[in-house]
Amino acid sequence: MKINVKDFQVIEGRNIDLKKRPTLIKPFYKSKDHYKEMLEQHIAELSGIQNVLYADNRYALLLIFQAMDAAGKDGAIKHVMSGVNPQGCQVFSFKHPSPEELDHDFLWRTTRDLPQRGMIGIFNRSYYEEVLVVRVHPQILQGEKIPNPLLSLKTIWEERFRSIRDLEKHLYYNGTRIIKFFLHLSKEEQRRRFLKRLDDPSKNWKISLADMQERKFWKDYMKAYEACLSATSLALAPWFIVPADDKENARLIISQTIMDTLKSLKMSYPQPDSLHRKELLAMRKELLRTK
């Protein structure tokens, strides 16, 4: 079954109601074996395209993953990117900002880790935390040392949305392509996954009391995500709302989206100029002549 990723893209300027967006859809795979076959094919294609991205050295790709706890961000990154050459890919996870990071603007700590040309950068959480977690818990702003005249809850979120849009437009026009994934998980599925983590000693480390506390703010987070997705999905840096109750299906949607984006860049291996061709011919002759 063909995966049309446009079905999951947030159209620029469109207001999002997450209650109308499914967290579970009909799977694109017919069986577990079929899923593995599809994912392996996607991984192989991604590996080949990554080689061209690296050699072409004109574009960078930034993948941003945002979601509620237990939505499957880590697993998606692990499985989808498993065939990518580690030399051409970097993963960064952003948690609580350090004192040094709090002494800078809210975009500083992430812009330091943007991918260079030819590379794939992955942000597991990102600067979007500043309009999600911070919006749900606005008391965090007090620790960000923003001057009081500039600290207004009536204007700060739109100001930050504008800063993010400006950054992503700047990156686009300098060769960085951005794909943003919101893994849309249901509250009930999160409950089931939390219980599995509690019942499996090898996964106890993946859950804490803080995760349970954040669950109490579910409605607030959904409102924050709706505002964020509506305000910051650009045609040149789109959000994709990925139904995440089925982890396997989510991974196929994510991998297809990445492939489609990279293929659209029309990249190719660099062609040697006349001088380089002469050098290549000379080297070939030398290698054939000597043993």
C-alpha atoms as a PDB file:
ATOM      1  CA  MET A   1       0.000   0.000   0.000  1.00  0.00           C
ATOM      2  CA  LYS A   2       1.387   3.398  -1.026  1.00  0.00           C
ATOM      3  CA  ILE A   3       1.999   5.824   1.823  1.00  0.00           C
ATOM      4  CA  ASN A   4       0.917   9.325   0.838  1.00  0.00           C
ATOM      5  CA  VAL A   5       2.691  11.484   3.403  1.00  0.00           C
ATOM      6  CA  LYS A   6       0.681  14.547   2.363  1.00  0.00           C
ATOM      7  CA  ASP A   7      -2.204  12.991   4.319  1.00  0.00           C
ATOM      8  CA  PHE A   8      -0.282  13.735   7.522  1.00  0.00           C
ATOM      9  CA  GLN A   9       1.159  17.143   6.663  1.00  0.00           C
ATOM     10  CA  VAL A  10      -0.095  20.255   8.429  1.00  0.00           C
ATOM     11  CA  ILE A  11      -0.915  22.814   5.755  1.00  0.00           C
ATOM     12  CA  GLU A  12       0.564  26.249   6.381  1.00  0.00           C
ATOM     13  CA  GLY A  13      -1.978  28.621   7.888  1.00  0.00           C
ATOM     14  CA  ARG A  14      -4.444  25.903   8.865  1.00  0.00           C
ATOM     15  CA  ASN A  15      -5.683  25.695  12.456  1.00  0.00           C
ATOM     16  CA  ILE A  16      -5.284  22.256  13.992  1.00  0.00           C
ATOM     17  CA  ASP A  17      -7.769  20.427  16.210  1.00  0.00           C
ATOM     18  CA  LEU A  18      -5.979  17.342  17.511  1.00  0.00           C
ATOM     19  CA  LYS A  19      -9.246  15.732  18.606  1.00  0.00           C
ATOM     20  CA  LYS A  20     -10.047  15.408  14.890  1.00  0.00           C
ATOM     21  CA  ARG A  21      -6.684  13.855  14.091  1.00  0.00           C
ATOM     22  CA  PRO A  22      -6.508  10.063  14.613  1.00  0.00           C
ATOM     23  CA  THR A  23      -3.897   8.462  16.820  1.00  0.00           C
ATOM     24  CA  LEU A  24      -4.515   5.099  15.133  1.00  0.00           C
ATOM     25  CA  ILE A  25      -5.185   4.347  11.458  1.00  0.00           C
ATOM     26  CA  LYS A  26      -5.361   1.280   9.235  1.00  0.00           C
ATOM     27  CA  PRO A  27      -1.827  -0.101   9.001  1.00  0.00           C
ATOM     28  CA  PHE A  28       0.146   0.111   5.778  1.00  0.00           C
ATOM     29  CA  TYR A  29       1.527  -3.378   6.409  1.00  0.00           C
ATOM     30  CA  LYS A  30      -0.345  -6.680   6.184  1.00  0.00           C
ATOM     31  CA  SER A  31       1.632  -8.571   8.833  1.00  0.00           C
ATOM     32  CA  LYS A  32       4.668  -8.233  11.089  1.00  0.00           C
ATOM     33  CA  ASP A  33       6.813  -9.853   8.420  1.00  0.00           C
ATOM     34  CA  HIS A  34       5.457  -7.444   5.816  1.00  0.00           C
ATOM     35  CA  TYR A  35       6.244  -4.525   8.135  1.00  0.00           C
ATOM     36  CA  LYS A  36       9.836  -5.719   8.537  1.00  0.00           C
ATOM     37  CA  GLU A  37      10.152  -6.104   4.763  1.00  0.00           C
ATOM     38  CA  MET A  38       8.814  -2.593   4.128  1.00  0.00           C
ATOM     39  CA  LEU A  39      11.016  -1.010   6.785  1.00  0.00           C
ATOM     40  CA  GLU A  40      14.117  -2.813   5.522  1.00  0.00           C
ATOM     41  CA  GLN A  41      13.398  -1.511   2.030  1.00  0.00           C
ATOM     42  CA  HIS A  42      12.975   2.033   3.364  1.00  0.00           C
ATOM     43  CA  ILE A  43      16.201   1.751   5.370  1.00  0.00           C
ATOM     44  CA  ALA A  44      18.121   0.544   2.319  1.00  0.00           C
ATOM     45  CA  GLU A  45      16.793   3.416   0.204  1.00  0.00           C
ATOM     46  CA  LEU A  46      17.607   5.941   2.935  1.00  0.00           C
ATOM     47  CA  SER A  47      21.138   4.613   3.163  1.00  0.00           C
ATOM     48  CA  GLY A  48      21.640   5.111  -0.571  1.00  0.00           C
ATOM     49  CA  ILE A  49      20.151   8.605  -0.581  1.00  0.00           C
ATOM     50  CA  GLN A  50      22.261   9.581   2.420  1.00  0.00           C
ATOM     51  CA  ASN A  51      25.407   8.702   0.485  1.00  0.00           C
ATOM     52  CA  VAL A  52      24.335  11.103  -2.258  1.00  0.00           C
ATOM     53  CA  LEU A  53      23.462  13.810   0.302  1.00  0.00           C
ATOM     54  CA  TYR A  54      26.940  13.480   1.806  1.00  0.00           C
ATOM     55  CA  ALA A  55      28.723  13.504  -1.555  1.00  0.00           C
ATOM     56  CA  ASP A  56      26.583  16.282  -3.046  1.00  0.00           C
ATOM     57  CA  ASN A  57      27.392  18.444   0.004  1.00  0.00           C
ATOM     58  CA  ARG A  58      24.920  21.233  -0.791  1.00  0.00           C
ATOM     59  CA  TYR A  59      21.997  20.395   1.494  1.00  0.00           C
ATOM     60  CA  ALA A  60      21.571  19.490   5.154  1.00  0.00           C
ATOM     61  CA  LEU A  61      18.571  17.690   6.615  1.00  0.00           C
ATOM     62  CA  LEU A  62      17.165  18.442  10.069  1.00  0.00           C
ATOM     63  CA  LEU A  63      14.619  16.045  11.569  1.00  0.00           C
ATOM     64  CA  ILE A  64      12.692  17.252  14.624  1.00  0.00           C
ATOM     65  CA  PHE A  65      10.736  14.863  16.841  1.00  0.00           C
ATOM     66  CA  GLN A  66       8.223  16.111  19.393  1.00  0.00           C
ATOM     67  CA  ALA A  67       5.685  14.098  21.355  1.00  0.00           C
ATOM     68  CA  MET A  68       4.235  13.246  24.727  1.00  0.00           C
ATOM     69  CA  ASP A  69       6.157  10.732  26.827  1.00  0.00           C
ATOM     70  CA  ALA A  70       6.099   7.117  25.542  1.00  0.00           C
ATOM     71  CA  ALA A  71       4.992   8.135  22.041  1.00  0.00           C
ATOM     72  CA  GLY A  72       7.927   6.294  20.465  1.00  0.00           C
ATOM     73  CA  LYS A  73      10.406   8.999  19.489  1.00  0.00           C
ATOM     74  CA  ASP A  74      13.463   7.014  20.569  1.00  0.00           C
ATOM     75  CA  GLY A  75      12.260   3.839  18.866  1.00  0.00           C
ATOM     76  CA  ALA A  76      11.437   5.652  15.636  1.00  0.00           C
ATOM     77  CA  ILE A  77      14.886   7.246  15.502  1.00  0.00           C
ATOM     78  CA  LYS A  78      16.570   3.930  16.327  1.00  0.00           C
ATOM     79  CA  HIS A  79      14.695   1.847  13.755  1.00  0.00           C
ATOM     80  CA  VAL A  80      14.262   4.302  10.881  1.00  0.00           C
ATOM     81  CA  MET A  81      17.852   5.539  10.960  1.00  0.00           C
ATOM     82  CA  SER A  82      19.444   2.144  11.654  1.00  0.00           C
ATOM     83  CA  GLY A  83      20.951   1.897   8.159  1.00  0.00           C
ATOM     84  CA  VAL A  84      22.336   5.425   8.024  1.00  0.00           C
ATOM     85  CA  ASN A  85      26.099   5.891   8.124  1.00  0.00           C
ATOM     86  CA  PRO A  86      26.917   7.285  11.606  1.00  0.00           C
ATOM     87  CA  GLN A  87      29.555   9.559  10.034  1.00  0.00           C
ATOM     88  CA  GLY A  88      26.794  11.450   8.245  1.00  0.00           C
ATOM     89  CA  CYS A  89      24.246  11.650  11.061  1.00  0.00           C
ATOM     90  CA  GLN A  90      24.077  13.234  14.511  1.00  0.00           C
ATOM     91  CA  VAL A  91      21.374  12.869  17.169  1.00  0.00           C
ATOM     92  CA  PHE A  92      20.840  15.444  19.917  1.00  0.00           C
ATOM     93  CA  SER A  93      18.434  15.124  22.840  1.00  0.00           C
ATOM     94  CA  PHE A  94      17.414  18.328  24.571  1.00  0.00           C
ATOM     95  CA  LYS A  95      16.242  18.141  28.168  1.00  0.00           C
ATOM     96  CA  HIS A  96      16.365  20.727  30.941  1.00  0.00           C
ATOM     97  CA  PRO A  97      18.563  23.679  29.917  1.00  0.00           C
ATOM     98  CA  SER A  98      21.837  24.173  31.751  1.00  0.00           C
ATOM     99  CA  PRO A  99      22.782  27.413  33.566  1.00  0.00           C
ATOM    100  CA  GLU A 100      24.949  28.357  30.580  1.00  0.00           C
ATOM    101  CA  GLU A 101      22.053  27.783  28.176  1.00  0.00           C
ATOM    102  CA  LEU A 102      19.740  29.890  30.336  1.00  0.00           C
ATOM    103  CA  ASP A 103      22.180  32.779  29.930  1.00  0.00           C
ATOM    104  CA  HIS A 104      21.380  32.872  26.194  1.00  0.00           C
ATOM    105  CA  ASP A 105      18.276  33.275  24.053  1.00  0.00           C
ATOM    106  CA  PHE A 106      15.958  30.266  23.814  1.00  0.00           C
ATOM    107  CA  LEU A 107      17.232  29.236  20.353  1.00  0.00           C
ATOM    108  CA  TRP A 108      20.930  29.305  21.225  1.00  0.00           C
ATOM    109  CA  ARG A 109      21.409  25.805  22.617  1.00  0.00           C
ATOM    110  CA  THR A 110      19.826  24.126  19.593  1.00  0.00           C
ATOM    111  CA  THR A 111      21.302  26.292  16.847  1.00  0.00           C
ATOM    112  CA  ARG A 112      24.759  25.246  18.066  1.00  0.00           C
ATOM    113  CA  ASP A 113      23.914  21.706  16.963  1.00  0.00           C
ATOM    114  CA  LEU A 114      22.412  22.341  13.532  1.00  0.00           C
ATOM    115  CA  PRO A 115      23.673  19.930  10.856  1.00  0.00           C
ATOM    116  CA  GLN A 116      26.308  21.052   8.397  1.00  0.00           C
ATOM    117  CA  ARG A 117      25.915  20.525   4.657  1.00  0.00           C
ATOM    118  CA  GLY A 118      25.881  16.876   3.659  1.00  0.00           C
ATOM    119  CA  MET A 119      24.710  15.786   7.111  1.00  0.00           C
ATOM    120  CA  ILE A 120      21.487  14.630   8.746  1.00  0.00           C
ATOM    121  CA  GLY A 121      20.778  16.155  12.147  1.00  0.00           C
ATOM    122  CA  ILE A 122      18.139  14.726  14.471  1.00  0.00           C
ATOM    123  CA  PHE A 123      16.638  16.689  17.345  1.00  0.00           C
ATOM    124  CA  ASN A 124      14.903  14.482  19.927  1.00  0.00           C
ATOM    125  CA  ARG A 125      12.880  17.355  21.366  1.00  0.00           C
ATOM    126  CA  SER A 126      14.042  20.784  20.292  1.00  0.00           C
ATOM    127  CA  TYR A 127      13.540  24.534  20.557  1.00  0.00           C
ATOM    128  CA  TYR A 128       9.836  23.719  20.357  1.00  0.00           C
ATOM    129  CA  GLU A 129       9.970  22.790  24.033  1.00  0.00           C
ATOM    130  CA  GLU A 130      10.019  26.545  24.640  1.00  0.00           C
ATOM    131  CA  VAL A 131       6.460  26.910  23.307  1.00  0.00           C
ATOM    132  CA  LEU A 132       5.211  23.585  24.676  1.00  0.00           C
ATOM    133  CA  VAL A 133       6.559  22.637  28.115  1.00  0.00           C
ATOM    134  CA  VAL A 134       7.213  26.285  28.989  1.00  0.00           C
ATOM    135  CA  ARG A 135       3.708  27.261  27.886  1.00  0.00           C
ATOM    136  CA  VAL A 136       2.163  24.553  30.062  1.00  0.00           C
ATOM    137  CA  HIS A 137       4.437  25.561  32.940  1.00  0.00           C
ATOM    138  CA  PRO A 138       4.958  29.334  32.452  1.00  0.00           C
ATOM    139  CA  GLN A 139       6.753  29.598  35.801  1.00  0.00           C
ATOM    140  CA  ILE A 140       9.799  28.228  33.937  1.00  0.00           C
ATOM    141  CA  LEU A 141      10.088  31.632  32.280  1.00  0.00           C
ATOM    142  CA  GLN A 142      11.232  33.124  35.578  1.00  0.00           C
ATOM    143  CA  GLY A 143      14.456  31.120  35.286  1.00  0.00           C
ATOM    144  CA  GLU A 144      15.148  32.300  31.740  1.00  0.00           C
ATOM    145  CA  LYS A 145      16.217  35.761  32.879  1.00  0.00           C
ATOM    146  CA  ILE A 146      14.058  37.611  30.373  1.00  0.00           C
ATOM    147  CA  PRO A 147      13.738  41.328  31.213  1.00  0.00           C
ATOM    148  CA  ASN A 148      10.404  42.033  32.889  1.00  0.00           C
ATOM    149  CA  PRO A 149       9.214  44.555  30.264  1.00  0.00           C
ATOM    150  CA  LEU A 150       9.522  41.790  27.647  1.00  0.00           C
ATOM    151  CA  LEU A 151       7.857  39.089  29.730  1.00  0.00           C
ATOM    152  CA  SER A 152       4.172  39.119  28.835  1.00  0.00           C
ATOM    153  CA  LEU A 153       2.156  35.902  28.533  1.00  0.00           C
ATOM    154  CA  LYS A 154      -0.162  37.783  26.162  1.00  0.00           C
ATOM    155  CA  THR A 155       2.549  38.212  23.543  1.00  0.00           C
ATOM    156  CA  ILE A 156       5.501  35.925  24.270  1.00  0.00           C
ATOM    157  CA  TRP A 157       4.185  32.806  22.524  1.00  0.00           C
ATOM    158  CA  GLU A 158       3.466  34.575  19.246  1.00  0.00           C
ATOM    159  CA  GLU A 159       6.840  36.301  19.506  1.00  0.00           C
ATOM    160  CA  ARG A 160       8.528  32.921  19.916  1.00  0.00           C
ATOM    161  CA  PHE A 161       6.522  31.439  17.056  1.00  0.00           C
ATOM    162  CA  ARG A 162       7.738  34.326  14.896  1.00  0.00           C
ATOM    163  CA  SER A 163      11.349  33.717  15.942  1.00  0.00           C
ATOM    164  CA  ILE A 164      11.024  30.023  15.086  1.00  0.00           C
ATOM    165  CA  ARG A 165       9.442  30.724  11.705  1.00  0.00           C
ATOM    166  CA  ASP A 166      12.165  33.241  10.878  1.00  0.00           C
ATOM    167  CA  LEU A 167      14.878  30.756  11.879  1.00  0.00           C
ATOM    168  CA  GLU A 168      13.422  27.954   9.793  1.00  0.00           C
ATOM    169  CA  LYS A 169      13.009  30.218   6.749  1.00  0.00           C
ATOM    170  CA  HIS A 170      16.617  31.347   7.147  1.00  0.00           C
ATOM    171  CA  LEU A 171      17.799  27.725   7.305  1.00  0.00           C
ATOM    172  CA  TYR A 172      15.729  26.754   4.275  1.00  0.00           C
ATOM    173  CA  TYR A 173      17.210  29.530   2.135  1.00  0.00           C
ATOM    174  CA  ASN A 174      20.665  28.399   3.147  1.00  0.00           C
ATOM    175  CA  GLY A 175      20.160  24.779   2.138  1.00  0.00           C
ATOM    176  CA  THR A 176      18.832  23.083   5.281  1.00  0.00           C
ATOM    177  CA  ARG A 177      15.634  21.116   4.783  1.00  0.00           C
ATOM    178  CA  ILE A 178      13.544  20.645   7.919  1.00  0.00           C
ATOM    179  CA  ILE A 179      10.983  17.917   8.616  1.00  0.00           C
ATOM    180  CA  LYS A 180       9.061  18.103  11.887  1.00  0.00           C
ATOM    181  CA  PHE A 181       7.242  15.080  13.303  1.00  0.00           C
ATOM    182  CA  PHE A 182       4.609  15.225  16.026  1.00  0.00           C
ATOM    183  CA  LEU A 183       3.943  11.672  17.177  1.00  0.00           C
ATOM    184  CA  HIS A 184       0.256  11.825  18.058  1.00  0.00           C
ATOM    185  CA  LEU A 185      -0.370   9.410  20.918  1.00  0.00           C
ATOM    186  CA  SER A 186      -3.658   8.797  22.739  1.00  0.00           C
ATOM    187  CA  LYS A 187      -3.777   9.180  26.507  1.00  0.00           C
ATOM    188  CA  GLU A 188      -5.014   5.607  26.847  1.00  0.00           C
ATOM    189  CA  GLU A 189      -2.140   4.215  24.803  1.00  0.00           C
ATOM    190  CA  GLN A 190       0.301   6.193  26.940  1.00  0.00           C
ATOM    191  CA  ARG A 191      -1.270   4.595  30.032  1.00  0.00           C
ATOM    192  CA  ARG A 192      -0.743   1.103  28.566  1.00  0.00           C
ATOM    193  CA  ARG A 193       2.876   1.857  27.666  1.00  0.00           C
ATOM    194  CA  PHE A 194       3.586   3.291  31.115  1.00  0.00           C
ATOM    195  CA  LEU A 195       2.219   0.094  32.689  1.00  0.00           C
ATOM    196  CA  LYS A 196       4.501  -2.000  30.460  1.00  0.00           C
ATOM    197  CA  ARG A 197       7.476   0.047  31.596  1.00  0.00           C
ATOM    198  CA  LEU A 198       6.527  -0.473  35.219  1.00  0.00           C
ATOM    199  CA  ASP A 199       6.064  -4.228  34.740  1.00  0.00           C
ATOM    200  CA  ASP A 200       9.326  -4.755  32.839  1.00  0.00           C
ATOM    201  CA  PRO A 201      12.451  -4.354  35.022  1.00  0.00           C
ATOM    202  CA  SER A 202      14.541  -3.630  31.945  1.00  0.00           C
ATOM    203  CA  LYS A 203      12.336  -0.596  31.220  1.00  0.00           C
ATOM    204  CA  ASN A 204      11.854   0.783  34.739  1.00  0.00           C
ATOM    205  CA  TRP A 205      14.504   3.411  34.047  1.00  0.00           C
ATOM    206  CA  LYS A 206      12.332   4.851  31.259  1.00  0.00           C
ATOM    207  CA  ILE A 207       9.610   6.116  33.603  1.00  0.00           C
ATOM    208  CA  SER A 208       9.651   8.451  36.583  1.00  0.00           C
ATOM    209  CA  LEU A 209       7.246  10.192  38.899  1.00  0.00           C
ATOM    210  CA  ALA A 210       7.737  13.338  36.813  1.00  0.00           C
ATOM    211  CA  ASP A 211       6.250  11.516  33.802  1.00  0.00           C
ATOM    212  CA  MET A 212       3.147  10.747  35.833  1.00  0.00           C
ATOM    213  CA  GLN A 213       2.900  14.351  36.975  1.00  0.00           C
ATOM    214  CA  GLU A 214       3.055  15.643  33.390  1.00  0.00           C
ATOM    215  CA  ARG A 215       0.237  13.286  32.423  1.00  0.00           C
ATOM    216  CA  LYS A 216      -2.075  15.390  34.594  1.00  0.00           C
ATOM    217  CA  PHE A 217      -1.537  18.296  32.193  1.00  0.00           C
ATOM    218  CA  TRP A 218      -2.600  16.334  29.100  1.00  0.00           C
ATOM    219  CA  LYS A 219      -5.305  18.789  27.986  1.00  0.00           C
ATOM    220  CA  ASP A 220      -2.963  21.732  28.454  1.00  0.00           C
ATOM    221  CA  TYR A 221      -0.316  20.018  26.349  1.00  0.00           C
ATOM    222  CA  MET A 222      -2.821  19.286  23.582  1.00  0.00           C
ATOM    223  CA  LYS A 223      -3.794  22.965  23.488  1.00  0.00           C
ATOM    224  CA  ALA A 224      -0.132  23.967  23.383  1.00  0.00           C
ATOM    225  CA  TYR A 225       0.570  21.527  20.546  1.00  0.00           C
ATOM    226  CA  GLU A 226      -2.448  22.756  18.585  1.00  0.00           C
ATOM    227  CA  ALA A 227      -1.251  26.359  18.837  1.00  0.00           C
ATOM    228  CA  CYS A 228       2.312  25.369  17.949  1.00  0.00           C
ATOM    229  CA  LEU A 229       1.435  23.188  14.954  1.00  0.00           C
ATOM    230  CA  SER A 230      -0.981  25.794  13.613  1.00  0.00           C
ATOM    231  CA  ALA A 231       1.507  28.660  13.930  1.00  0.00           C
ATOM    232  CA  THR A 232       4.757  27.020  12.799  1.00  0.00           C
ATOM    233  CA  SER A 233       3.971  24.565  10.012  1.00  0.00           C
ATOM    234  CA  LEU A 234       5.457  26.160   6.913  1.00  0.00           C
ATOM    235  CA  ALA A 235       5.361  24.890   3.357  1.00  0.00           C
ATOM    236  CA  LEU A 236       9.155  24.988   3.441  1.00  0.00           C
ATOM    237  CA  ALA A 237       9.413  23.432   6.945  1.00  0.00           C
ATOM    238  CA  PRO A 238       6.245  21.386   7.506  1.00  0.00           C
ATOM    239  CA  TRP A 239       4.887  19.548  10.508  1.00  0.00           C
ATOM    240  CA  PHE A 240       3.626  16.003  10.057  1.00  0.00           C
ATOM    241  CA  ILE A 241       1.119  14.641  12.566  1.00  0.00           C
ATOM    242  CA  VAL A 242       1.957  10.940  12.747  1.00  0.00           C
ATOM    243  CA  PRO A 243      -0.608   8.586  14.345  1.00  0.00           C
ATOM    244  CA  ALA A 244       1.543   6.954  17.021  1.00  0.00           C
ATOM    245  CA  ASP A 245      -0.610   4.333  18.756  1.00  0.00           C
ATOM    246  CA  ASP A 246       0.831   1.821  16.266  1.00  0.00           C
ATOM    247  CA  LYS A 247       4.615   2.152  16.516  1.00  0.00           C
ATOM    248  CA  GLU A 248       5.329   0.126  13.378  1.00  0.00           C
ATOM    249  CA  ASN A 249       2.949   2.160  11.244  1.00  0.00           C
ATOM    250  CA  ALA A 250       4.430   5.402  12.596  1.00  0.00           C
ATOM    251  CA  ARG A 251       7.945   4.294  11.612  1.00  0.00           C
ATOM    252  CA  LEU A 252       6.845   3.556   8.062  1.00  0.00           C
ATOM    253  CA  ILE A 253       5.205   6.979   7.741  1.00  0.00           C
ATOM    254  CA  ILE A 254       8.306   8.703   9.115  1.00  0.00           C
ATOM    255  CA  SER A 255      10.739   6.829   6.876  1.00  0.00           C
ATOM    256  CA  GLN A 256       8.590   7.469   3.790  1.00  0.00           C
ATOM    257  CA  THR A 257       8.449  11.189   4.606  1.00  0.00           C
ATOM    258  CA  ILE A 258      12.228  11.395   4.918  1.00  0.00           C
ATOM    259  CA  MET A 259      12.747   9.516   1.643  1.00  0.00           C
ATOM    260  CA  ASP A 260      10.272  11.690  -0.243  1.00  0.00           C
ATOM    261  CA  THR A 261      11.940  14.865   1.023  1.00  0.00           C
ATOM    262  CA  LEU A 262      15.458  13.753   0.112  1.00  0.00           C
ATOM    263  CA  LYS A 263      14.390  12.522  -3.327  1.00  0.00           C
ATOM    264  CA  SER A 264      12.772  15.887  -4.060  1.00  0.00           C
ATOM    265  CA  LEU A 265      16.163  17.596  -3.784  1.00  0.00           C
ATOM    266  CA  LYS A 266      17.339  16.105  -7.107  1.00  0.00           C
ATOM    267  CA  MET A 267      20.838  15.504  -5.778  1.00  0.00           C
ATOM    268  CA  SER A 268      23.581  13.639  -7.616  1.00  0.00           C
ATOM    269  CA  TYR A 269      27.166  12.551  -7.157  1.00  0.00           C
ATOM    270  CA  PRO A 270      29.599  15.334  -8.150  1.00  0.00           C
ATOM    271  CA  GLN A 271      30.875  15.040 -11.717  1.00  0.00           C
ATOM    272  CA  PRO A 272      34.641  15.461 -12.222  1.00  0.00           C
ATOM    273  CA  ASP A 273      35.808  18.398 -14.336  1.00  0.00           C
ATOM    274  CA  SER A 274      38.214  17.931 -17.223  1.00  0.00           C
ATOM    275  CA  LEU A 275      41.318  18.267 -15.039  1.00  0.00           C
ATOM    276  CA  HIS A 276      40.030  15.739 -12.530  1.00  0.00           C
ATOM    277  CA  ARG A 277      39.115  13.308 -15.320  1.00  0.00           C
ATOM    278  CA  LYS A 278      42.692  13.478 -16.617  1.00  0.00           C
ATOM    279  CA  GLU A 279      43.969  12.798 -13.114  1.00  0.00           C
ATOM    280  CA  LEU A 280      41.632   9.814 -12.770  1.00  0.00           C
ATOM    281  CA  LEU A 281      42.796   8.368 -16.103  1.00  0.00           C
ATOM    282  CA  ALA A 282      46.431   8.837 -15.108  1.00  0.00           C
ATOM    283  CA  MET A 283      45.843   7.093 -11.782  1.00  0.00           C
ATOM    284  CA  ARG A 284      44.087   4.222 -13.541  1.00  0.00           C
ATOM    285  CA  LYS A 285      46.969   3.756 -15.938  1.00  0.00           C
ATOM    286  CA  GLU A 286      49.451   3.788 -13.059  1.00  0.00           C
ATOM    287  CA  LEU A 287      47.472   1.191 -11.117  1.00  0.00           C
ATOM    288  CA  LEU A 288      47.166  -1.079 -14.167  1.00  0.00           C
ATOM    289  CA  ARG A 289      50.887  -0.713 -14.922  1.00  0.00           C
ATOM    290  CA  THR A 290      52.109  -1.587 -11.428  1.00  0.00           C
ATOM    291  CA  LYS A 291      51.330  -4.502  -9.137  1.00  0.00           C
END
